[in-house]
Structure formats: C-alpha cells, structure tokens
Amino acid sequence: MATYVITEACIGVKDATCVDVCPAACIHTTPDAPQYYIDPDVCIACEQCVIVCPVKAIYLDDEVPAHLTQYIEINADFFRENKETARPLTLDQANAMLEAARRYVSEAAVEAAIAVVGPSGELIASFETPGVAPEMVQRALDKAYTAACLQVATHQLSRGATTRLNADGRFVQERLIEQGGGYPAVDGADTVGAIGVAGTPSAQTDLQCCLAGLSALRPSGH
C-alpha cells in the first residue's frame, strides 16, 4: 500500500506538527537525526501530515520528485536502525485486559462483547455477556483486528481510510472497521496487540471499556 515519505525540506526544520496530527503514531526522529521520518510499515496514508507540514516536505512514495527518491529508503532505513521489536501480548496479559474490561462492563451494567488480539489481529482471549447480540461478537473482534493491523484507535481513523487501503494481502479488507471501540495495546512505539468492544449502548462506552482493559497493562510498564 502507499505510504508517505518525509523529504529534504524537513532537514534542519524538524517541525513536529506532523507528529501531533498523525493518528497512526508513525512519525519519529532521534535527537541527533536531521529530520523526521515516516515508518512505511505503519503509515495508513491518511494525509494529515501533508496538510499541516509547513515546508511541504511530505509526498506519497509514488509521487516523490525524481531528485528526492532517495528519501524513500532514507525513511525506511531510519526505522530499520532504530525500531526495536516488542514482544506480543502474552496470554496472561490478554486475560488481565479481558478481566479489567469485564469489571467495567459489570459495574456499568451493560451488555458487551470483548476481544483481545495479537499484533496481527489473531484472537487471544474473548468474552461476551449472556444478553449481547451474536453479531456483536464478530464486530468486537473486527474492531480489535482493525486497531492491531492499522495500529490506531478505530475512532481516530479518518473517514474512508479503510476503503483507500490497497488489497495487497496485508489486510482482510472486509474486517476493517472505522467505528469506535477498537484500541491498540502499545509498548513504546510498537503495537503488541489490541482490544475491541461492541454491543454497549454507545461508542463512548465501547471506548471506555477498551481503556479499562488497557489499564491492566500499566503495572507492567506498558
């Protein structure tokens, strides 16, 4: 799929506005690096960084001017050298997230389906209250799948973001959902899994249940 690339005009400027608006948290740098860089494995091509860049340094990788094409590899090389691979959620962590989310559901007295997945969207643990609609079980799983694969909270996806993704085999297109209630579990800059919630009375309640589940990771430093 297409990804954005930060090019020469950023050097020496390092304006962080792009970082603030990026829903995928895929723009990074180091103190001694001359510019910001976009992780091609994480970018969802939402265009937010392009809109705010004050020096017009950002292009889609297939639209980079010929004299700047080396920045495609420069961006990718930065992450090859600086990105550490975090370990995926363990079963114990997933169950702790699930238990925290279940407590929230119980205290709120609402029906819900909850799913916790690994970094590729594979199911680790799930729960549904007895009265939840059956279709909500799959929706919770698909929300978690979306959050894990796109590495962004589903309520933060720009309208139409999932339909702009190329069918390159990286994602199961039919499972991508832009509805709120999916949230990635993050270790540093890495997405190690996700939680998805569906079936509560509102998208805000879905989101709060996700956050309750994620709170179970805080004692571990996540």
Protein backbone atom coordinates (compact mmCIF):
# COMPACT_ATOMS: atom_id res chain seq x y z
CA MET A 1 0.00 0.00 0.00
CA ALA A 2 1.05 3.60 -0.46
CA THR A 3 2.94 5.35 2.30
CA TYR A 4 4.07 8.89 2.88
CA VAL A 5 7.74 9.94 2.85
CA ILE A 6 9.40 12.93 4.51
CA THR A 7 12.00 14.53 2.28
CA GLU A 8 14.80 17.08 2.27
CA ALA A 9 12.80 20.18 3.18
CA CYS A 10 12.39 18.86 6.74
CA ILE A 11 16.15 18.86 7.36
CA GLY A 12 17.07 21.48 9.92
CA VAL A 13 13.42 22.43 10.46
CA LYS A 14 12.10 19.36 12.31
CA ASP A 15 8.69 20.93 12.90
CA ALA A 16 6.71 18.43 14.97
CA THR A 17 3.24 19.43 13.82
CA CYS A 18 3.05 16.27 11.71
CA VAL A 19 3.68 14.14 14.80
CA ASP A 20 0.80 15.79 16.64
CA VAL A 21 -1.77 15.02 13.95
CA CYS A 22 -0.65 11.51 12.94
CA PRO A 23 -3.34 9.01 14.09
CA ALA A 24 -1.03 6.04 13.48
CA ALA A 25 1.87 7.42 15.56
CA CYS A 26 4.25 6.50 12.74
CA ILE A 27 6.40 9.68 12.58
CA HIS A 28 9.57 9.65 14.66
CA THR A 29 13.08 11.03 14.96
CA THR A 30 16.04 10.97 17.36
CA PRO A 31 17.82 13.97 18.94
CA ASP A 32 20.77 13.67 16.58
CA ALA A 33 18.77 12.95 13.39
CA PRO A 34 18.41 15.89 10.96
CA GLN A 35 14.69 15.37 10.21
CA TYR A 36 11.53 13.41 10.99
CA TYR A 37 10.80 10.07 9.30
CA ILE A 38 7.67 8.08 8.47
CA ASP A 39 7.55 4.35 9.19
CA PRO A 40 6.41 2.71 5.93
CA ASP A 41 5.17 -0.36 7.80
CA VAL A 42 2.77 1.69 9.93
CA CYS A 43 1.66 4.66 7.79
CA ILE A 44 -2.02 4.48 6.75
CA ALA A 45 -1.70 7.27 4.14
CA CYS A 46 -4.34 9.42 5.84
CA GLU A 47 -2.80 12.69 4.54
CA GLN A 48 -2.98 14.54 7.86
CA CYS A 49 0.78 15.13 7.95
CA VAL A 50 0.77 16.53 4.42
CA ILE A 51 -1.92 19.05 5.30
CA VAL A 52 -0.02 20.56 8.23
CA CYS A 53 3.61 20.34 7.06
CA PRO A 54 4.86 23.98 6.94
CA VAL A 55 7.64 23.23 4.42
CA LYS A 56 5.80 20.83 2.08
CA ALA A 57 8.31 18.07 2.71
CA ILE A 58 5.92 15.10 2.56
CA TYR A 59 4.92 13.09 -0.52
CA LEU A 60 3.30 9.76 -1.28
CA ASP A 61 6.06 7.31 -2.14
CA ASP A 62 4.88 7.03 -5.75
CA GLU A 63 4.76 10.82 -6.12
CA VAL A 64 8.17 11.75 -4.70
CA PRO A 65 10.02 14.04 -7.17
CA ALA A 66 12.78 12.26 -9.05
CA HIS A 67 15.58 14.20 -7.36
CA LEU A 68 14.24 13.18 -3.91
CA THR A 69 13.51 9.48 -4.40
CA GLN A 70 16.45 8.50 -2.18
CA TYR A 71 14.32 9.65 0.78
CA ILE A 72 12.07 6.62 0.36
CA GLU A 73 14.95 4.44 1.54
CA ILE A 74 16.20 7.07 4.00
CA ASN A 75 12.85 6.94 5.82
CA ALA A 76 12.76 3.14 5.78
CA ASP A 77 16.42 2.85 6.86
CA PHE A 78 15.79 5.04 9.89
CA PHE A 79 13.30 2.51 11.25
CA ARG A 80 15.44 -0.48 10.36
CA GLU A 81 18.17 1.01 12.52
CA ASN A 82 16.13 2.48 15.37
CA LYS A 83 12.99 0.41 15.84
CA GLU A 84 13.11 -2.36 18.40
CA THR A 85 10.73 -5.27 18.10
CA ALA A 86 8.46 -5.51 21.12
CA ARG A 87 7.09 -8.84 22.28
CA PRO A 88 3.41 -9.51 21.51
CA LEU A 89 0.82 -9.68 24.27
CA THR A 90 1.07 -12.81 26.35
CA LEU A 91 -1.96 -14.90 27.26
CA ASP A 92 -1.65 -13.67 30.86
CA GLN A 93 -1.65 -10.04 29.71
CA ALA A 94 -4.61 -10.65 27.41
CA ASN A 95 -6.57 -12.29 30.21
CA ALA A 96 -5.74 -9.41 32.55
CA MET A 97 -7.03 -6.95 29.96
CA LEU A 98 -10.16 -9.03 29.49
CA GLU A 99 -10.80 -9.21 33.24
CA ALA A 100 -10.41 -5.43 33.64
CA ALA A 101 -12.81 -4.82 30.76
CA ARG A 102 -15.27 -7.35 32.22
CA ARG A 103 -15.23 -5.49 35.54
CA TYR A 104 -16.03 -2.25 33.73
CA VAL A 105 -18.95 -3.91 31.92
CA SER A 106 -20.26 -5.36 35.19
CA GLU A 107 -20.02 -2.05 37.05
CA ALA A 108 -21.65 -0.18 34.17
CA ALA A 109 -24.38 -2.82 33.97
CA VAL A 110 -24.20 -3.05 30.17
CA GLU A 111 -24.05 -5.85 27.64
CA ALA A 112 -20.82 -6.21 25.65
CA ALA A 113 -18.61 -8.43 23.55
CA ILE A 114 -14.87 -8.04 24.17
CA ALA A 115 -11.95 -9.39 22.16
CA VAL A 116 -8.20 -9.17 22.76
CA VAL A 117 -5.93 -9.92 19.81
CA GLY A 118 -2.24 -10.12 19.00
CA PRO A 119 -0.31 -7.73 16.73
CA SER A 120 -1.52 -9.43 13.55
CA GLY A 121 -5.14 -9.46 14.69
CA GLU A 122 -5.15 -13.08 15.85
CA LEU A 123 -7.59 -13.77 18.70
CA ILE A 124 -6.03 -14.39 22.12
CA ALA A 125 -9.00 -14.07 24.51
CA SER A 126 -12.65 -13.07 24.35
CA PHE A 127 -15.79 -12.66 26.45
CA GLU A 128 -19.40 -11.77 25.87
CA THR A 129 -22.23 -11.13 28.32
CA PRO A 130 -25.18 -13.55 28.00
CA GLY A 131 -27.55 -10.98 26.50
CA VAL A 132 -25.27 -9.45 23.85
CA ALA A 133 -26.38 -9.73 20.24
CA PRO A 134 -24.45 -12.51 18.41
CA GLU A 135 -23.24 -10.20 15.64
CA MET A 136 -21.51 -8.02 18.25
CA VAL A 137 -19.05 -10.83 18.98
CA GLN A 138 -17.63 -10.66 15.45
CA ARG A 139 -17.78 -6.86 15.46
CA ALA A 140 -15.68 -6.66 18.63
CA LEU A 141 -13.14 -9.00 17.07
CA ASP A 142 -13.06 -6.97 13.85
CA LYS A 143 -12.58 -3.72 15.78
CA ALA A 144 -9.63 -5.27 17.58
CA TYR A 145 -8.29 -6.61 14.27
CA THR A 146 -8.53 -3.14 12.72
CA ALA A 147 -6.80 -1.46 15.66
CA ALA A 148 -3.99 -4.03 15.67
CA CYS A 149 -3.36 -4.09 11.93
CA LEU A 150 -3.63 -0.34 11.36
CA GLN A 151 -2.01 0.43 14.73
CA VAL A 152 -4.52 3.15 15.55
CA ALA A 153 -7.65 3.53 17.67
CA THR A 154 -10.59 2.94 15.38
CA HIS A 155 -12.39 6.15 16.41
CA GLN A 156 -9.34 8.11 15.17
CA LEU A 157 -9.47 6.75 11.62
CA SER A 158 -10.29 9.42 9.08
CA ARG A 159 -13.46 8.86 7.08
CA GLY A 160 -12.84 6.44 4.23
CA ALA A 161 -9.35 5.47 5.45
CA THR A 162 -10.05 1.74 5.29
CA THR A 163 -11.51 1.88 1.79
CA ARG A 164 -8.37 3.59 0.49
CA LEU A 165 -6.15 0.67 1.51
CA ASN A 166 -4.90 -1.42 -1.36
CA ALA A 167 -5.97 -5.06 -1.41
CA ASP A 168 -2.36 -6.28 -1.28
CA GLY A 169 -2.96 -9.22 1.02
CA ARG A 170 -1.74 -7.38 4.09
CA PHE A 171 -5.24 -6.84 5.48
CA VAL A 172 -8.55 -8.64 5.19
CA GLN A 173 -10.43 -5.65 3.78
CA GLU A 174 -13.88 -6.85 4.86
CA ARG A 175 -12.78 -6.90 8.51
CA LEU A 176 -11.59 -3.30 8.71
CA ILE A 177 -13.99 -1.11 10.71
CA GLU A 178 -13.87 2.66 11.20
CA GLN A 179 -16.36 2.55 14.08
CA GLY A 180 -15.03 3.45 17.53
CA GLY A 181 -14.37 0.69 20.04
CA GLY A 182 -11.03 -0.75 18.92
CA TYR A 183 -7.81 0.33 20.61
CA PRO A 184 -4.20 -0.83 20.11
CA ALA A 185 -2.06 -2.03 23.00
CA VAL A 186 1.28 -0.25 22.66
CA ASP A 187 4.74 -0.99 24.03
CA GLY A 188 6.84 2.10 23.35
CA ALA A 189 6.32 2.79 19.65
CA ASP A 190 5.21 -0.78 18.86
CA THR A 191 1.70 -2.19 18.71
CA VAL A 192 1.74 -5.52 20.54
CA GLY A 193 -1.97 -6.30 20.28
CA ALA A 194 -5.38 -4.65 20.58
CA ILE A 195 -8.72 -4.77 22.33
CA GLY A 196 -12.12 -4.44 20.68
CA VAL A 197 -15.52 -3.85 22.29
CA ALA A 198 -19.01 -3.90 20.75
CA GLY A 199 -22.60 -4.12 21.90
CA THR A 200 -22.66 -1.49 24.65
CA PRO A 201 -25.21 1.35 24.46
CA SER A 202 -22.80 3.81 22.82
CA ALA A 203 -19.46 4.18 21.04
CA GLN A 204 -18.20 6.17 24.03
CA THR A 205 -18.98 3.27 26.36
CA ASP A 206 -17.19 0.90 23.96
CA LEU A 207 -14.16 3.19 24.12
CA GLN A 208 -14.22 3.46 27.91
CA CYS A 209 -14.36 -0.32 28.17
CA CYS A 210 -11.30 -0.55 25.88
CA LEU A 211 -9.42 1.90 28.09
CA ALA A 212 -10.39 -0.07 31.19
CA GLY A 213 -8.90 -3.17 29.59
CA LEU A 214 -5.71 -1.37 28.61
CA SER A 215 -5.29 -0.11 32.18
CA ALA A 216 -4.41 -3.69 33.16
CA LEU A 217 -1.10 -3.30 31.28
CA ARG A 218 0.10 -0.25 33.19
CA PRO A 219 1.69 -2.12 36.11
CA SER A 220 3.87 -3.94 33.54
CA GLY A 221 5.16 -0.65 32.19
CA HIS A 222 3.05 -0.65 29.02
